[in-house]
Amino acid sequence: MHLLGTLLCLTVVWEATGAISWLAFKHVEPETWNSTRLCHLSRKHHGFVNRQVKLCRKYRDVMRHVHTASHQSAATCQAIFAKHRWNCSSINLAPSYLRDLTAGTREQAFVYAHSAAALMHSVARGCSAGTIFYCGCGRTPRRAPDGDFKWGGCGDNTKFGRRFARKFADSADRRKSKRRTPEERLRAKVNLHNNRAGSKAVQKSLRKQCKCHGVSGSCNIKTCWRALPDLHRIGQRLQRRYRNAIEVSMRRVGARWQMAPATTAMGRFSHEDLIYNAKSPDYCVRDQSFGSLGTVGRQCNASSTSHDGCKSMCCGRPYNTFTVERIERCQCKYVWCCYVKCKTCKRWEDVHECT
């Protein structure tokens, strides 16, 4: 009854929005994820397609990492875009997304790529942590060490993470249907490309991580392995791709239709680029149907010339300035033994809000 109540309390209605419907999995309470019944009910409540339900049943101990990825993907996206006009808040509506994440925009491109990256990242780390039965440590590099260390330890298994993420995240857009319109087929191709770009970003983020061994930490012996950074850094890499995303359309080449840049001036795109097929609004004006909150009431930085600056955030409109009192801990000192003693400090700060 507890499991059924957990799922039935969700009032969202699933729309056929593609692979990122699974991000609604974050609504599930952590203690309920390890259940085959949850896999079946997720078809209705979290937009799982048949292939995802089968994977859920087959890889039950991987689903905790799918659950983790759904949380991390939403939290990281909102942190990265917190000071932008579009702040990724609509990701919380999963699985009933608005048009900013269903119309084929560059914002949708980022969320697809980032969610696929989060899934690969979470599963790869789960393998190296020993919490997934089906995989172990990542493969040790074949090349000889190029320094005073030896390969060892337990690296993150990006190979298994990529393989599972591809099966799970691609499932909805890989379904073949004669009822799909040309626009829907194009969007499916775009989504699959962006999923792959997210996986590429994770693979490119692998870095050498080392641990020293020796008397009194002398580091006479150093063991290194390949590890992933936190998801926020991978998200920042994808955000740079988001800014330079390329618009695409379907073009006839001979007897076949192929996906290509919308204009020749854009040049070609690589497997690492994000692509989109529908232009985004400027998100200055509130449009609930599209997922635009507008920027009225948003805070801005009066001294910044970047996206968080008042000129950009307020879209040329004026802004109000308020002086607010901030109370915070300060002059903290460690007291033996064993606590930290701080004073309470007050300061005044100017806050700017778009009108």
Protein backbone atom coordinates (compact mmCIF):
# COMPACT_ATOMS: atom_id res chain seq x y z
CA MET A 1 0.00 0.00 0.00
CA HIS A 2 2.86 2.37 0.77
CA LEU A 3 4.31 1.96 -2.74
CA LEU A 4 0.93 2.40 -4.41
CA GLY A 5 0.19 5.47 -2.29
CA THR A 6 3.56 6.98 -3.19
CA LEU A 7 2.79 6.77 -6.88
CA LEU A 8 -0.91 7.58 -6.85
CA CYS A 9 -0.29 10.79 -4.91
CA LEU A 10 1.30 12.20 -8.06
CA THR A 11 -1.29 14.19 -9.97
CA VAL A 12 0.81 14.79 -13.05
CA VAL A 13 -0.41 13.46 -16.37
CA TRP A 14 2.12 12.03 -18.74
CA GLU A 15 2.47 13.47 -22.20
CA ALA A 16 4.50 11.81 -24.93
CA THR A 17 7.51 14.07 -24.45
CA GLY A 18 10.28 11.61 -25.24
CA ALA A 19 13.19 10.24 -23.30
CA ILE A 20 13.39 12.85 -20.54
CA SER A 21 10.02 11.81 -19.10
CA TRP A 22 12.05 9.49 -16.84
CA LEU A 23 13.21 12.55 -14.87
CA ALA A 24 9.85 12.31 -13.08
CA PHE A 25 11.42 9.30 -11.31
CA LYS A 26 12.79 11.80 -8.77
CA HIS A 27 9.25 12.06 -7.34
CA VAL A 28 9.54 8.50 -6.02
CA GLU A 29 10.55 8.09 -2.39
CA PRO A 30 14.04 6.51 -2.15
CA GLU A 31 12.90 3.45 -0.23
CA THR A 32 10.44 2.43 -2.97
CA TRP A 33 12.74 2.33 -6.02
CA ASN A 34 13.79 -1.34 -5.67
CA SER A 35 10.48 -2.87 -6.73
CA THR A 36 9.35 -4.58 -9.93
CA ARG A 37 5.88 -3.16 -9.25
CA LEU A 38 7.37 0.31 -9.39
CA CYS A 39 8.74 -0.52 -12.84
CA HIS A 40 5.24 -1.36 -14.08
CA LEU A 41 3.58 1.69 -12.50
CA SER A 42 6.30 3.98 -13.86
CA ARG A 43 4.86 3.41 -17.32
CA LYS A 44 1.81 5.43 -16.27
CA HIS A 45 3.23 7.86 -13.74
CA HIS A 46 6.74 8.57 -15.04
CA GLY A 47 6.37 8.16 -18.78
CA PHE A 48 8.46 4.99 -19.02
CA VAL A 49 8.17 3.26 -22.39
CA ASN A 50 8.13 -0.55 -22.71
CA ARG A 51 11.89 -0.78 -23.17
CA GLN A 52 12.53 1.27 -20.02
CA VAL A 53 10.15 -0.92 -18.01
CA LYS A 54 12.06 -4.02 -19.16
CA LEU A 55 15.39 -2.43 -18.24
CA CYS A 56 13.96 -1.44 -14.85
CA ARG A 57 12.98 -5.05 -14.17
CA LYS A 58 16.26 -6.50 -15.45
CA TYR A 59 18.64 -4.04 -13.74
CA ARG A 60 16.87 -3.45 -10.44
CA ASP A 61 20.01 -2.43 -8.56
CA VAL A 62 20.82 0.14 -11.27
CA MET A 63 17.51 1.92 -10.73
CA ARG A 64 18.74 3.59 -7.55
CA HIS A 65 21.30 5.34 -9.75
CA VAL A 66 18.59 6.30 -12.25
CA HIS A 67 16.77 7.81 -9.27
CA THR A 68 19.95 9.67 -8.23
CA ALA A 69 20.50 10.91 -11.79
CA SER A 70 16.96 12.29 -11.99
CA HIS A 71 17.57 14.35 -8.83
CA GLN A 72 21.06 15.50 -9.84
CA SER A 73 20.04 16.42 -13.38
CA ALA A 74 17.25 18.74 -12.19
CA ALA A 75 19.28 20.31 -9.37
CA THR A 76 22.40 20.89 -11.47
CA CYS A 77 20.50 22.34 -14.44
CA GLN A 78 18.76 24.86 -12.17
CA ALA A 79 22.03 25.77 -10.45
CA ILE A 80 23.82 26.37 -13.75
CA PHE A 81 21.02 28.53 -15.20
CA ALA A 82 19.97 30.23 -11.94
CA LYS A 83 21.07 33.67 -13.18
CA HIS A 84 19.76 33.35 -16.73
CA ARG A 85 16.40 34.43 -18.14
CA TRP A 86 15.50 30.78 -18.68
CA ASN A 87 16.36 29.19 -15.34
CA CYS A 88 15.48 25.55 -16.03
CA SER A 89 12.65 25.63 -13.49
CA SER A 90 10.27 23.85 -15.89
CA ILE A 91 12.30 20.66 -15.48
CA ASN A 92 10.42 20.18 -12.21
CA LEU A 93 7.20 19.60 -14.16
CA ALA A 94 8.39 16.17 -15.33
CA PRO A 95 6.86 14.26 -16.98
CA SER A 96 4.30 16.91 -18.11
CA TYR A 97 6.69 19.37 -19.72
CA LEU A 98 5.83 22.64 -21.42
CA ARG A 99 6.91 23.67 -24.91
CA ASP A 100 10.34 24.94 -23.84
CA LEU A 101 11.27 21.26 -23.37
CA THR A 102 9.11 19.67 -26.08
CA ALA A 103 9.23 21.99 -29.10
CA GLY A 104 12.83 21.21 -30.09
CA THR A 105 14.48 24.30 -28.59
CA ARG A 106 18.11 24.74 -27.55
CA GLU A 107 16.90 24.52 -23.93
CA GLN A 108 15.48 21.09 -24.72
CA ALA A 109 18.81 20.19 -26.33
CA PHE A 110 20.64 21.03 -23.11
CA VAL A 111 18.24 19.12 -20.86
CA TYR A 112 18.43 16.01 -23.07
CA ALA A 113 22.22 16.10 -23.19
CA HIS A 114 22.57 16.88 -19.51
CA SER A 115 20.10 14.23 -18.32
CA ALA A 116 21.86 11.58 -20.44
CA ALA A 117 25.18 12.76 -18.96
CA ALA A 118 23.75 12.59 -15.42
CA LEU A 119 22.54 9.03 -16.00
CA MET A 120 25.89 7.89 -17.42
CA HIS A 121 27.76 9.70 -14.63
CA SER A 122 25.65 8.17 -11.84
CA VAL A 123 25.85 4.61 -13.20
CA ALA A 124 29.60 4.85 -13.93
CA ARG A 125 30.27 5.94 -10.36
CA GLY A 126 27.94 3.25 -9.03
CA CYS A 127 30.08 0.62 -10.77
CA SER A 128 33.31 1.85 -9.18
CA ALA A 129 31.62 2.16 -5.78
CA GLY A 130 30.56 -1.50 -5.94
CA THR A 131 26.84 -0.81 -5.63
CA ILE A 132 25.92 -2.33 -9.01
CA PHE A 133 26.10 -6.10 -9.39
CA TYR A 134 26.46 -6.07 -13.18
CA CYS A 135 29.72 -4.11 -13.44
CA GLY A 136 32.98 -3.36 -11.68
CA CYS A 137 35.84 -0.89 -12.00
CA GLY A 138 36.56 0.92 -15.21
CA ARG A 139 39.18 -0.47 -17.56
CA THR A 140 42.78 0.40 -16.70
CA PRO A 141 44.42 2.46 -19.48
CA ARG A 142 46.56 0.34 -21.79
CA ARG A 143 49.20 2.98 -22.35
CA ALA A 144 52.18 3.07 -20.02
CA PRO A 145 52.14 5.76 -17.30
CA ASP A 146 53.73 9.03 -18.46
CA GLY A 147 55.02 9.95 -15.02
CA ASP A 148 56.16 8.65 -11.65
CA PHE A 149 53.04 6.61 -10.92
CA LYS A 150 51.40 3.31 -11.75
CA TRP A 151 47.89 2.61 -12.94
CA GLY A 152 45.70 0.99 -10.28
CA GLY A 153 42.80 1.75 -8.00
CA CYS A 154 39.20 1.57 -9.20
CA GLY A 155 38.28 3.93 -11.99
CA ASP A 156 34.74 4.99 -12.89
CA ASN A 157 33.22 2.56 -15.40
CA THR A 158 32.15 4.91 -18.18
CA LYS A 159 31.82 2.03 -20.64
CA PHE A 160 28.99 0.35 -18.71
CA GLY A 161 27.54 3.74 -17.77
CA ARG A 162 27.43 4.83 -21.41
CA ARG A 163 25.91 1.53 -22.56
CA PHE A 164 23.13 1.59 -19.95
CA ALA A 165 22.42 5.30 -20.41
CA ARG A 166 22.13 4.82 -24.16
CA LYS A 167 19.66 1.94 -23.79
CA PHE A 168 17.55 3.72 -21.18
CA ALA A 169 17.62 7.36 -22.31
CA ASP A 170 17.26 6.57 -26.03
CA SER A 171 14.34 4.17 -25.64
CA ALA A 172 11.47 6.57 -26.30
CA ASP A 173 13.02 8.22 -29.35
CA ARG A 174 14.18 4.94 -30.89
CA ARG A 175 10.64 3.59 -31.15
CA LYS A 176 9.62 3.15 -34.77
CA SER A 177 6.16 4.34 -35.69
CA LYS A 178 4.60 4.95 -39.08
CA ARG A 179 2.30 7.49 -37.44
CA ARG A 180 5.17 9.89 -36.71
CA THR A 181 5.10 13.09 -38.72
CA PRO A 182 8.29 14.33 -40.46
CA GLU A 183 8.63 16.93 -37.69
CA GLU A 184 8.40 14.23 -35.00
CA ARG A 185 10.99 12.12 -36.80
CA LEU A 186 13.34 15.09 -36.99
CA ARG A 187 12.86 15.82 -33.29
CA ALA A 188 13.62 12.20 -32.42
CA LYS A 189 16.87 12.39 -34.39
CA VAL A 190 17.76 15.66 -32.67
CA ASN A 191 17.06 14.17 -29.25
CA LEU A 192 19.20 11.10 -29.94
CA HIS A 193 22.06 13.29 -31.14
CA ASN A 194 21.91 15.42 -27.99
CA ASN A 195 21.83 12.33 -25.78
CA ARG A 196 25.02 11.23 -27.48
CA ALA A 197 26.57 14.67 -27.01
CA GLY A 198 25.88 14.37 -23.28
CA SER A 199 27.65 11.01 -23.15
CA LYS A 200 30.60 12.47 -25.08
CA ALA A 201 30.87 15.27 -22.52
CA VAL A 202 31.11 12.73 -19.69
CA GLN A 203 33.76 10.69 -21.51
CA LYS A 204 35.80 13.82 -22.26
CA SER A 205 35.65 14.80 -18.57
CA LEU A 206 37.55 11.73 -17.32
CA ARG A 207 40.64 12.83 -15.41
CA LYS A 208 43.57 11.18 -13.69
CA GLN A 209 43.12 10.88 -9.93
CA CYS A 210 45.94 9.68 -7.69
CA LYS A 211 46.70 8.46 -4.20
CA CYS A 212 50.10 8.53 -2.53
CA HIS A 213 51.69 5.64 -0.65
CA GLY A 214 54.84 5.77 1.42
CA VAL A 215 56.28 6.42 4.84
CA SER A 216 54.72 9.50 6.49
CA GLY A 217 52.97 10.46 3.27
CA SER A 218 56.23 10.77 1.35
CA CYS A 219 54.49 9.71 -1.87
CA ASN A 220 57.28 7.34 -2.90
CA ILE A 221 54.64 5.29 -4.67
CA LYS A 222 51.69 6.89 -6.44
CA THR A 223 48.69 4.95 -7.76
CA CYS A 224 46.37 6.61 -10.26
CA TRP A 225 43.07 5.81 -11.95
CA ARG A 226 40.58 7.51 -14.26
CA ALA A 227 37.75 9.29 -12.42
CA LEU A 228 34.90 11.63 -13.25
CA PRO A 229 34.50 15.13 -11.77
CA ASP A 230 31.22 16.20 -10.15
CA LEU A 231 28.23 16.60 -12.46
CA HIS A 232 28.25 20.41 -12.17
CA ARG A 233 31.54 20.62 -14.11
CA ILE A 234 30.17 18.39 -16.84
CA GLY A 235 27.05 20.58 -16.93
CA GLN A 236 29.21 23.68 -17.40
CA ARG A 237 30.93 21.98 -20.35
CA LEU A 238 27.51 21.33 -21.90
CA GLN A 239 26.40 24.89 -21.15
CA ARG A 240 29.20 26.15 -23.39
CA ARG A 241 27.83 23.88 -26.11
CA TYR A 242 24.33 25.23 -25.41
CA ARG A 243 25.47 28.80 -26.14
CA ASN A 244 26.83 27.68 -29.52
CA ALA A 245 24.05 25.21 -30.36
CA ILE A 246 23.32 24.75 -34.07
CA GLU A 247 19.88 24.90 -35.65
CA VAL A 248 19.13 21.97 -37.97
CA SER A 249 16.45 20.91 -40.44
CA MET A 250 15.78 17.96 -42.76
CA ARG A 251 17.12 18.25 -46.30
CA ARG A 252 16.73 15.95 -49.26
CA VAL A 253 20.07 14.59 -50.44
CA GLY A 254 19.46 12.47 -53.50
CA ALA A 255 16.67 10.04 -52.66
CA ARG A 256 17.13 10.38 -48.89
CA TRP A 257 16.29 12.94 -46.24
CA GLN A 258 19.17 13.92 -43.97
CA MET A 259 19.58 16.17 -40.95
CA ALA A 260 21.73 19.21 -41.74
CA PRO A 261 22.38 22.77 -40.46
CA ALA A 262 19.45 25.08 -41.22
CA THR A 263 21.76 27.51 -43.04
CA THR A 264 25.07 26.94 -44.79
CA ALA A 265 26.63 29.75 -42.72
CA MET A 266 26.44 27.51 -39.65
CA GLY A 267 28.83 24.96 -41.08
CA ARG A 268 28.84 21.33 -40.03
CA PHE A 269 28.18 20.06 -36.54
CA SER A 270 30.11 17.38 -34.66
CA HIS A 271 28.98 14.59 -32.35
CA GLU A 272 29.82 16.86 -29.40
CA ASP A 273 27.71 19.84 -30.53
CA LEU A 274 24.18 20.46 -29.27
CA ILE A 275 21.57 20.89 -31.99
CA TYR A 276 17.97 22.15 -32.06
CA ASN A 277 15.20 22.53 -34.64
CA ALA A 278 12.99 25.30 -33.19
CA LYS A 279 13.92 28.82 -32.16
CA SER A 280 13.40 29.87 -28.54
CA PRO A 281 11.65 33.03 -27.35
CA ASP A 282 13.70 35.57 -25.41
CA TYR A 283 11.98 34.52 -22.13
CA CYS A 284 11.46 38.19 -21.25
CA VAL A 285 7.65 37.96 -21.16
CA ARG A 286 5.61 35.48 -19.15
CA ASP A 287 4.13 32.74 -21.33
CA GLN A 288 2.87 29.84 -19.27
CA SER A 289 2.08 27.69 -22.30
CA PHE A 290 5.69 27.84 -23.46
CA GLY A 291 7.37 27.62 -20.06
CA SER A 292 8.57 31.22 -19.97
CA LEU A 293 8.29 32.76 -16.50
CA GLY A 294 9.29 36.21 -17.71
CA THR A 295 11.78 38.31 -15.78
CA VAL A 296 9.51 40.62 -13.77
CA GLY A 297 10.63 40.43 -10.15
CA ARG A 298 13.88 38.62 -10.98
CA GLN A 299 17.02 39.84 -9.21
CA CYS A 300 19.87 41.17 -11.32
CA ASN A 301 23.40 42.50 -10.96
CA ALA A 302 23.59 46.22 -11.78
CA SER A 303 27.36 46.13 -12.30
CA SER A 304 27.43 43.10 -14.60
CA THR A 305 27.43 43.21 -18.39
CA SER A 306 26.78 39.46 -18.66
CA HIS A 307 23.52 37.48 -18.74
CA ASP A 308 22.88 38.22 -15.02
CA GLY A 309 23.24 41.98 -15.52
CA CYS A 310 20.18 44.19 -15.13
CA LYS A 311 20.29 45.30 -18.75
CA SER A 312 20.09 41.74 -20.00
CA MET A 313 17.91 40.19 -17.29
CA CYS A 314 15.36 43.02 -17.37
CA CYS A 315 15.30 43.02 -21.19
CA GLY A 316 15.87 46.78 -21.34
CA ARG A 317 13.15 47.54 -18.79
CA PRO A 318 13.94 49.57 -15.64
CA TYR A 319 14.67 47.94 -12.31
CA ASN A 320 14.07 48.82 -8.67
CA THR A 321 16.80 49.00 -6.04
CA PHE A 322 16.22 48.02 -2.41
CA THR A 323 18.59 48.07 0.54
CA VAL A 324 18.25 44.98 2.69
CA GLU A 325 19.89 43.92 5.94
CA ARG A 326 21.90 40.70 5.91
CA ILE A 327 22.58 38.86 9.16
CA GLU A 328 25.32 36.24 9.05
CA ARG A 329 27.90 34.47 11.17
CA CYS A 330 31.37 36.01 11.22
CA GLN A 331 34.73 36.06 13.05
CA CYS A 332 34.45 32.35 13.78
CA LYS A 333 37.06 30.72 16.02
CA TYR A 334 37.70 27.14 17.00
CA VAL A 335 37.43 26.60 20.76
CA TRP A 336 39.23 23.68 22.40
CA CYS A 337 37.51 21.27 22.67
CA CYS A 338 35.47 20.95 20.44
CA TYR A 339 33.25 23.58 18.90
CA VAL A 340 33.30 26.72 16.74
CA LYS A 341 32.27 30.03 18.26
CA CYS A 342 31.09 32.83 15.98
CA LYS A 343 29.77 36.37 16.26
CA THR A 344 26.69 37.69 14.51
CA CYS A 345 27.39 40.42 11.98
CA LYS A 346 24.98 42.72 10.16
CA ARG A 347 25.55 44.34 6.82
CA TRP A 348 23.48 46.30 4.34
CA GLU A 349 23.29 45.26 0.70
CA ASP A 350 21.67 46.72 -2.41
CA VAL A 351 19.31 44.35 -4.22
CA HIS A 352 18.06 45.06 -7.74
CA GLU A 353 14.80 43.66 -9.15
CA CYS A 354 13.42 43.89 -12.68
CA THR A 355 10.10 45.72 -13.09
